[in-house]
Amino acid sequence: MVHAEAFSRPLSRNEVVGLIFRLTIFGAVTYFTIKWMVDAIDPTRKQKVEAQKQVWLKCLRITFSWS
């Protein structure tokens, strides 16, 4: 059974650092897992990203060639 005192006492510095560390690791693992899943699910994603880069570079060349 958890005592009410455990919820009302402030967290120590080590507990806060540990909590931040665990949340950071959890966030990073979640981000890279979702990124990996999206890449695995959409086989044409690399082609789309490459096409987007080519269009962006063309627009950039056009913009700076008029200057």
PDB file of N, CA and C in Angstrom:
ATOM      1  N   MET A   1       0.836  -1.179   0.000  1.00  0.00           N
ATOM      2  CA  MET A   1       0.000   0.000   0.000  1.00  0.00           C
ATOM      3  C   MET A   1       0.886   1.249   0.000  1.00  0.00           C
ATOM      4  N   VAL A   2       0.520   2.248  -0.799  1.00  0.00           N
ATOM      5  CA  VAL A   2       1.289   3.482  -0.907  1.00  0.00           C
ATOM      6  C   VAL A   2       0.730   4.497   0.078  1.00  0.00           C
ATOM      7  N   HIS A   3       1.625   5.115   0.820  1.00  0.00           N
ATOM      8  CA  HIS A   3       1.203   6.110   1.795  1.00  0.00           C
ATOM      9  C   HIS A   3       0.975   7.456   1.114  1.00  0.00           C
ATOM     10  N   ALA A   4       0.107   8.254   1.681  1.00  0.00           N
ATOM     11  CA  ALA A   4      -0.193   9.580   1.145  1.00  0.00           C
ATOM     12  C   ALA A   4       1.032  10.492   1.230  1.00  0.00           C
ATOM     13  N   GLU A   5       1.928  10.219   2.163  1.00  0.00           N
ATOM     14  CA  GLU A   5       3.133  11.035   2.309  1.00  0.00           C
ATOM     15  C   GLU A   5       4.025  10.930   1.074  1.00  0.00           C
ATOM     16  N   ALA A   6       3.990   9.811   0.389  1.00  0.00           N
ATOM     17  CA  ALA A   6       4.833   9.615  -0.796  1.00  0.00           C
ATOM     18  C   ALA A   6       4.432  10.560  -1.920  1.00  0.00           C
ATOM     19  N   PHE A   7       3.191  10.936  -1.988  1.00  0.00           N
ATOM     20  CA  PHE A   7       2.720  11.842  -3.033  1.00  0.00           C
ATOM     21  C   PHE A   7       2.908  13.310  -2.674  1.00  0.00           C
ATOM     22  N   SER A   8       2.952  13.620  -1.409  1.00  0.00           N
ATOM     23  CA  SER A   8       3.015  15.013  -0.997  1.00  0.00           C
ATOM     24  C   SER A   8       4.448  15.521  -0.822  1.00  0.00           C
ATOM     25  N   ARG A   9       5.424  14.636  -0.691  1.00  0.00           N
ATOM     26  CA  ARG A   9       6.799  15.091  -0.492  1.00  0.00           C
ATOM     27  C   ARG A   9       7.408  15.528  -1.825  1.00  0.00           C
ATOM     28  N   PRO A  10       8.270  16.529  -1.811  1.00  0.00           N
ATOM     29  CA  PRO A  10       8.909  16.979  -3.055  1.00  0.00           C
ATOM     30  C   PRO A  10       9.920  15.946  -3.556  1.00  0.00           C
ATOM     31  N   LEU A  11      10.141  15.952  -4.848  1.00  0.00           N
ATOM     32  CA  LEU A  11      11.105  15.024  -5.444  1.00  0.00           C
ATOM     33  C   LEU A  11      12.523  15.505  -5.161  1.00  0.00           C
ATOM     34  N   SER A  12      13.415  14.553  -4.956  1.00  0.00           N
ATOM     35  CA  SER A  12      14.815  14.925  -4.745  1.00  0.00           C
ATOM     36  C   SER A  12      15.450  15.245  -6.098  1.00  0.00           C
ATOM     37  N   ARG A  13      16.633  15.823  -6.050  1.00  0.00           N
ATOM     38  CA  ARG A  13      17.343  16.201  -7.286  1.00  0.00           C
ATOM     39  C   ARG A  13      17.639  14.960  -8.132  1.00  0.00           C
ATOM     40  N   ASN A  14      18.056  13.877  -7.483  1.00  0.00           N
ATOM     41  CA  ASN A  14      18.353  12.639  -8.211  1.00  0.00           C
ATOM     42  C   ASN A  14      17.113  12.050  -8.869  1.00  0.00           C
ATOM     43  N   GLU A  15      15.993  12.139  -8.200  1.00  0.00           N
ATOM     44  CA  GLU A  15      14.738  11.630  -8.777  1.00  0.00           C
ATOM     45  C   GLU A  15      14.336  12.449 -10.001  1.00  0.00           C
ATOM     46  N   VAL A  16      14.503  13.758  -9.947  1.00  0.00           N
ATOM     47  CA  VAL A  16      14.168  14.623 -11.082  1.00  0.00           C
ATOM     48  C   VAL A  16      15.092  14.341 -12.254  1.00  0.00           C
ATOM     49  N   VAL A  17      16.392  14.217 -11.994  1.00  0.00           N
ATOM     50  CA  VAL A  17      17.359  13.918 -13.059  1.00  0.00           C
ATOM     51  C   VAL A  17      17.045  12.560 -13.677  1.00  0.00           C
ATOM     52  N   GLY A  18      16.746  11.579 -12.861  1.00  0.00           N
ATOM     53  CA  GLY A  18      16.400  10.250 -13.355  1.00  0.00           C
ATOM     54  C   GLY A  18      15.144  10.268 -14.204  1.00  0.00           C
ATOM     55  N   LEU A  19      14.158  11.032 -13.766  1.00  0.00           N
ATOM     56  CA  LEU A  19      12.905  11.139 -14.514  1.00  0.00           C
ATOM     57  C   LEU A  19      13.129  11.804 -15.865  1.00  0.00           C
ATOM     58  N   ILE A  20      13.894  12.882 -15.890  1.00  0.00           N
ATOM     59  CA  ILE A  20      14.193  13.574 -17.150  1.00  0.00           C
ATOM     60  C   ILE A  20      14.974  12.656 -18.080  1.00  0.00           C
ATOM     61  N   PHE A  21      15.953  11.928 -17.534  1.00  0.00           N
ATOM     62  CA  PHE A  21      16.751  10.995 -18.337  1.00  0.00           C
ATOM     63  C   PHE A  21      15.867   9.911 -18.952  1.00  0.00           C
ATOM     64  N   ARG A  22      15.000   9.314 -18.158  1.00  0.00           N
ATOM     65  CA  ARG A  22      14.115   8.259 -18.669  1.00  0.00           C
ATOM     66  C   ARG A  22      13.147   8.793 -19.715  1.00  0.00           C
ATOM     67  N   LEU A  23      12.603   9.983 -19.502  1.00  0.00           N
ATOM     68  CA  LEU A  23      11.690  10.574 -20.484  1.00  0.00           C
ATOM     69  C   LEU A  23      12.416  10.891 -21.790  1.00  0.00           C
ATOM     70  N   THR A  24      13.662  11.362 -21.695  1.00  0.00           N
ATOM     71  CA  THR A  24      14.450  11.656 -22.890  1.00  0.00           C
ATOM     72  C   THR A  24      14.733  10.388 -23.680  1.00  0.00           C
ATOM     73  N   ILE A  25      15.155   9.344 -23.000  1.00  0.00           N
ATOM     74  CA  ILE A  25      15.427   8.068 -23.666  1.00  0.00           C
ATOM     75  C   ILE A  25      14.153   7.510 -24.286  1.00  0.00           C
ATOM     76  N   PHE A  26      13.058   7.546 -23.550  1.00  0.00           N
ATOM     77  CA  PHE A  26      11.781   7.048 -24.064  1.00  0.00           C
ATOM     78  C   PHE A  26      11.353   7.835 -25.302  1.00  0.00           C
ATOM     79  N   GLY A  27      11.490   9.147 -25.266  1.00  0.00           N
ATOM     80  CA  GLY A  27      11.128   9.979 -26.414  1.00  0.00           C
ATOM     81  C   GLY A  27      11.971   9.676 -27.633  1.00  0.00           C
ATOM     82  N   ALA A  28      13.281   9.517 -27.442  1.00  0.00           N
ATOM     83  CA  ALA A  28      14.179   9.219 -28.559  1.00  0.00           C
ATOM     84  C   ALA A  28      13.857   7.853 -29.160  1.00  0.00           C
ATOM     85  N   VAL A  29      13.654   6.858 -28.312  1.00  0.00           N
ATOM     86  CA  VAL A  29      13.318   5.513 -28.804  1.00  0.00           C
ATOM     87  C   VAL A  29      11.995   5.548 -29.560  1.00  0.00           C
ATOM     88  N   THR A  30      11.025   6.256 -29.042  1.00  0.00           N
ATOM     89  CA  THR A  30       9.728   6.357 -29.710  1.00  0.00           C
ATOM     90  C   THR A  30       9.869   7.044 -31.061  1.00  0.00           C
ATOM     91  N   TYR A  31      10.612   8.148 -31.121  1.00  0.00           N
ATOM     92  CA  TYR A  31      10.802   8.884 -32.373  1.00  0.00           C
ATOM     93  C   TYR A  31      11.431   7.997 -33.444  1.00  0.00           C
ATOM     94  N   PHE A  32      12.537   7.332 -33.103  1.00  0.00           N
ATOM     95  CA  PHE A  32      13.232   6.523 -34.094  1.00  0.00           C
ATOM     96  C   PHE A  32      12.440   5.272 -34.474  1.00  0.00           C
ATOM     97  N   THR A  33      11.659   4.735 -33.548  1.00  0.00           N
ATOM     98  CA  THR A  33      10.811   3.588 -33.876  1.00  0.00           C
ATOM     99  C   THR A  33       9.732   3.992 -34.867  1.00  0.00           C
ATOM    100  N   ILE A  34       9.083   5.120 -34.640  1.00  0.00           N
ATOM    101  CA  ILE A  34       8.041   5.588 -35.560  1.00  0.00           C
ATOM    102  C   ILE A  34       8.653   5.936 -36.907  1.00  0.00           C
ATOM    103  N   LYS A  35       9.820   6.572 -36.908  1.00  0.00           N
ATOM    104  CA  LYS A  35      10.500   6.906 -38.161  1.00  0.00           C
ATOM    105  C   LYS A  35      10.819   5.635 -38.952  1.00  0.00           C
ATOM    106  N   TRP A  36      11.320   4.617 -38.279  1.00  0.00           N
ATOM    107  CA  TRP A  36      11.639   3.350 -38.923  1.00  0.00           C
ATOM    108  C   TRP A  36      10.377   2.689 -39.478  1.00  0.00           C
ATOM    109  N   MET A  37       9.282   2.742 -38.708  1.00  0.00           N
ATOM    110  CA  MET A  37       8.026   2.129 -39.156  1.00  0.00           C
ATOM    111  C   MET A  37       7.477   2.843 -40.387  1.00  0.00           C
ATOM    112  N   VAL A  38       7.541   4.162 -40.411  1.00  0.00           N
ATOM    113  CA  VAL A  38       7.042   4.917 -41.559  1.00  0.00           C
ATOM    114  C   VAL A  38       7.857   4.571 -42.801  1.00  0.00           C
ATOM    115  N   ASP A  39       9.168   4.486 -42.642  1.00  0.00           N
ATOM    116  CA  ASP A  39      10.023   4.106 -43.776  1.00  0.00           C
ATOM    117  C   ASP A  39       9.721   2.691 -44.251  1.00  0.00           C
ATOM    118  N   ALA A  40       9.443   1.791 -43.333  1.00  0.00           N
ATOM    119  CA  ALA A  40       9.177   0.404 -43.691  1.00  0.00           C
ATOM    120  C   ALA A  40       7.809   0.240 -44.340  1.00  0.00           C
ATOM    121  N   ILE A  41       6.833   1.028 -43.925  1.00  0.00           N
ATOM    122  CA  ILE A  41       5.469   0.889 -44.439  1.00  0.00           C
ATOM    123  C   ILE A  41       5.331   1.497 -45.831  1.00  0.00           C
ATOM    124  N   ASP A  42       5.990   2.638 -46.087  1.00  0.00           N
ATOM    125  CA  ASP A  42       5.854   3.332 -47.368  1.00  0.00           C
ATOM    126  C   ASP A  42       7.107   3.107 -48.220  1.00  0.00           C
ATOM    127  N   PRO A  43       7.062   2.148 -49.157  1.00  0.00           N
ATOM    128  CA  PRO A  43       8.257   1.850 -49.951  1.00  0.00           C
ATOM    129  C   PRO A  43       8.639   2.962 -50.932  1.00  0.00           C
ATOM    130  N   THR A  44       7.716   3.852 -51.279  1.00  0.00           N
ATOM    131  CA  THR A  44       8.015   4.917 -52.238  1.00  0.00           C
ATOM    132  C   THR A  44       8.446   6.213 -51.551  1.00  0.00           C
ATOM    133  N   ARG A  45       8.609   6.185 -50.246  1.00  0.00           N
ATOM    134  CA  ARG A  45       8.943   7.402 -49.502  1.00  0.00           C
ATOM    135  C   ARG A  45      10.270   8.000 -49.959  1.00  0.00           C
ATOM    136  N   LYS A  46      11.275   7.160 -50.186  1.00  0.00           N
ATOM    137  CA  LYS A  46      12.580   7.674 -50.612  1.00  0.00           C
ATOM    138  C   LYS A  46      12.477   8.373 -51.959  1.00  0.00           C
ATOM    139  N   GLN A  47      11.677   7.824 -52.861  1.00  0.00           N
ATOM    140  CA  GLN A  47      11.489   8.450 -54.170  1.00  0.00           C
ATOM    141  C   GLN A  47      10.794   9.800 -54.018  1.00  0.00           C
ATOM    142  N   LYS A  48       9.799   9.858 -53.140  1.00  0.00           N
ATOM    143  CA  LYS A  48       9.075  11.111 -52.908  1.00  0.00           C
ATOM    144  C   LYS A  48      10.008  12.176 -52.335  1.00  0.00           C
ATOM    145  N   VAL A  49      10.824  11.787 -51.362  1.00  0.00           N
ATOM    146  CA  VAL A  49      11.752  12.741 -50.740  1.00  0.00           C
ATOM    147  C   VAL A  49      12.761  13.235 -51.770  1.00  0.00           C
ATOM    148  N   GLU A  50      13.287  12.335 -52.607  1.00  0.00           N
ATOM    149  CA  GLU A  50      14.249  12.726 -53.635  1.00  0.00           C
ATOM    150  C   GLU A  50      13.612  13.668 -54.655  1.00  0.00           C
ATOM    151  N   ALA A  51      12.376  13.382 -55.069  1.00  0.00           N
ATOM    152  CA  ALA A  51      11.671  14.255 -56.011  1.00  0.00           C
ATOM    153  C   ALA A  51      11.445  15.631 -55.397  1.00  0.00           C
ATOM    154  N   GLN A  52      11.099  15.655 -54.116  1.00  0.00           N
ATOM    155  CA  GLN A  52      10.885  16.924 -53.428  1.00  0.00           C
ATOM    156  C   GLN A  52      12.178  17.744 -53.391  1.00  0.00           C
ATOM    157  N   LYS A  53      13.316  17.082 -53.146  1.00  0.00           N
ATOM    158  CA  LYS A  53      14.605  17.776 -53.140  1.00  0.00           C
ATOM    159  C   LYS A  53      14.913  18.359 -54.512  1.00  0.00           C
ATOM    160  N   GLN A  54      14.638  17.602 -55.565  1.00  0.00           N
ATOM    161  CA  GLN A  54      14.922  18.074 -56.920  1.00  0.00           C
ATOM    162  C   GLN A  54      14.085  19.316 -57.245  1.00  0.00           C
ATOM    163  N   VAL A  55      12.813  19.287 -56.875  1.00  0.00           N
ATOM    164  CA  VAL A  55      11.940  20.441 -57.121  1.00  0.00           C
ATOM    165  C   VAL A  55      12.436  21.646 -56.332  1.00  0.00           C
ATOM    166  N   TRP A  56      12.826  21.431 -55.089  1.00  0.00           N
ATOM    167  CA  TRP A  56      13.313  22.523 -54.254  1.00  0.00           C
ATOM    168  C   TRP A  56      14.587  23.122 -54.852  1.00  0.00           C
ATOM    169  N   LEU A  57      15.492  22.267 -55.330  1.00  0.00           N
ATOM    170  CA  LEU A  57      16.723  22.770 -55.932  1.00  0.00           C
ATOM    171  C   LEU A  57      16.440  23.555 -57.218  1.00  0.00           C
ATOM    172  N   LYS A  58      15.483  23.093 -58.022  1.00  0.00           N
ATOM    173  CA  LYS A  58      15.110  23.830 -59.240  1.00  0.00           C
ATOM    174  C   LYS A  58      14.572  25.205 -58.882  1.00  0.00           C
ATOM    175  N   CYS A  59      13.704  25.253 -57.905  1.00  0.00           N
ATOM    176  CA  CYS A  59      13.136  26.540 -57.473  1.00  0.00           C
ATOM    177  C   CYS A  59      14.229  27.458 -56.952  1.00  0.00           C
ATOM    178  N   LEU A  60      15.171  26.889 -56.234  1.00  0.00           N
ATOM    179  CA  LEU A  60      16.273  27.683 -55.686  1.00  0.00           C
ATOM    180  C   LEU A  60      17.136  28.230 -56.814  1.00  0.00           C
ATOM    181  N   ARG A  61      17.423  27.417 -57.815  1.00  0.00           N
ATOM    182  CA  ARG A  61      18.233  27.862 -58.952  1.00  0.00           C
ATOM    183  C   ARG A  61      17.511  28.972 -59.717  1.00  0.00           C
ATOM    184  N   ILE A  62      16.225  28.808 -59.929  1.00  0.00           N
ATOM    185  CA  ILE A  62      15.435  29.814 -60.658  1.00  0.00           C
ATOM    186  C   ILE A  62      15.423  31.136 -59.888  1.00  0.00           C
ATOM    187  N   THR A  63      15.231  31.030 -58.587  1.00  0.00           N
ATOM    188  CA  THR A  63      15.161  32.226 -57.745  1.00  0.00           C
ATOM    189  C   THR A  63      16.475  33.011 -57.800  1.00  0.00           C
ATOM    190  N   PHE A  64      17.601  32.317 -57.686  1.00  0.00           N
ATOM    191  CA  PHE A  64      18.876  33.009 -57.654  1.00  0.00           C
ATOM    192  C   PHE A  64      19.392  33.379 -59.032  1.00  0.00           C
ATOM    193  N   SER A  65      18.875  32.742 -60.079  1.00  0.00           N
ATOM    194  CA  SER A  65      19.337  33.116 -61.416  1.00  0.00           C
ATOM    195  C   SER A  65      18.688  34.422 -61.875  1.00  0.00           C
ATOM    196  N   TRP A  66      17.548  34.776 -61.315  1.00  0.00           N
ATOM    197  CA  TRP A  66      16.875  36.032 -61.669  1.00  0.00           C
ATOM    198  C   TRP A  66      17.468  37.226 -60.947  1.00  0.00           C
ATOM    199  N   SER A  67      18.171  36.991 -59.892  1.00  0.00           N
ATOM    200  CA  SER A  67      18.720  38.089 -59.073  1.00  0.00           C
ATOM    201  C   SER A  67      19.790  38.843 -59.796  1.00  0.00           C
TER     202      SER A  67
END
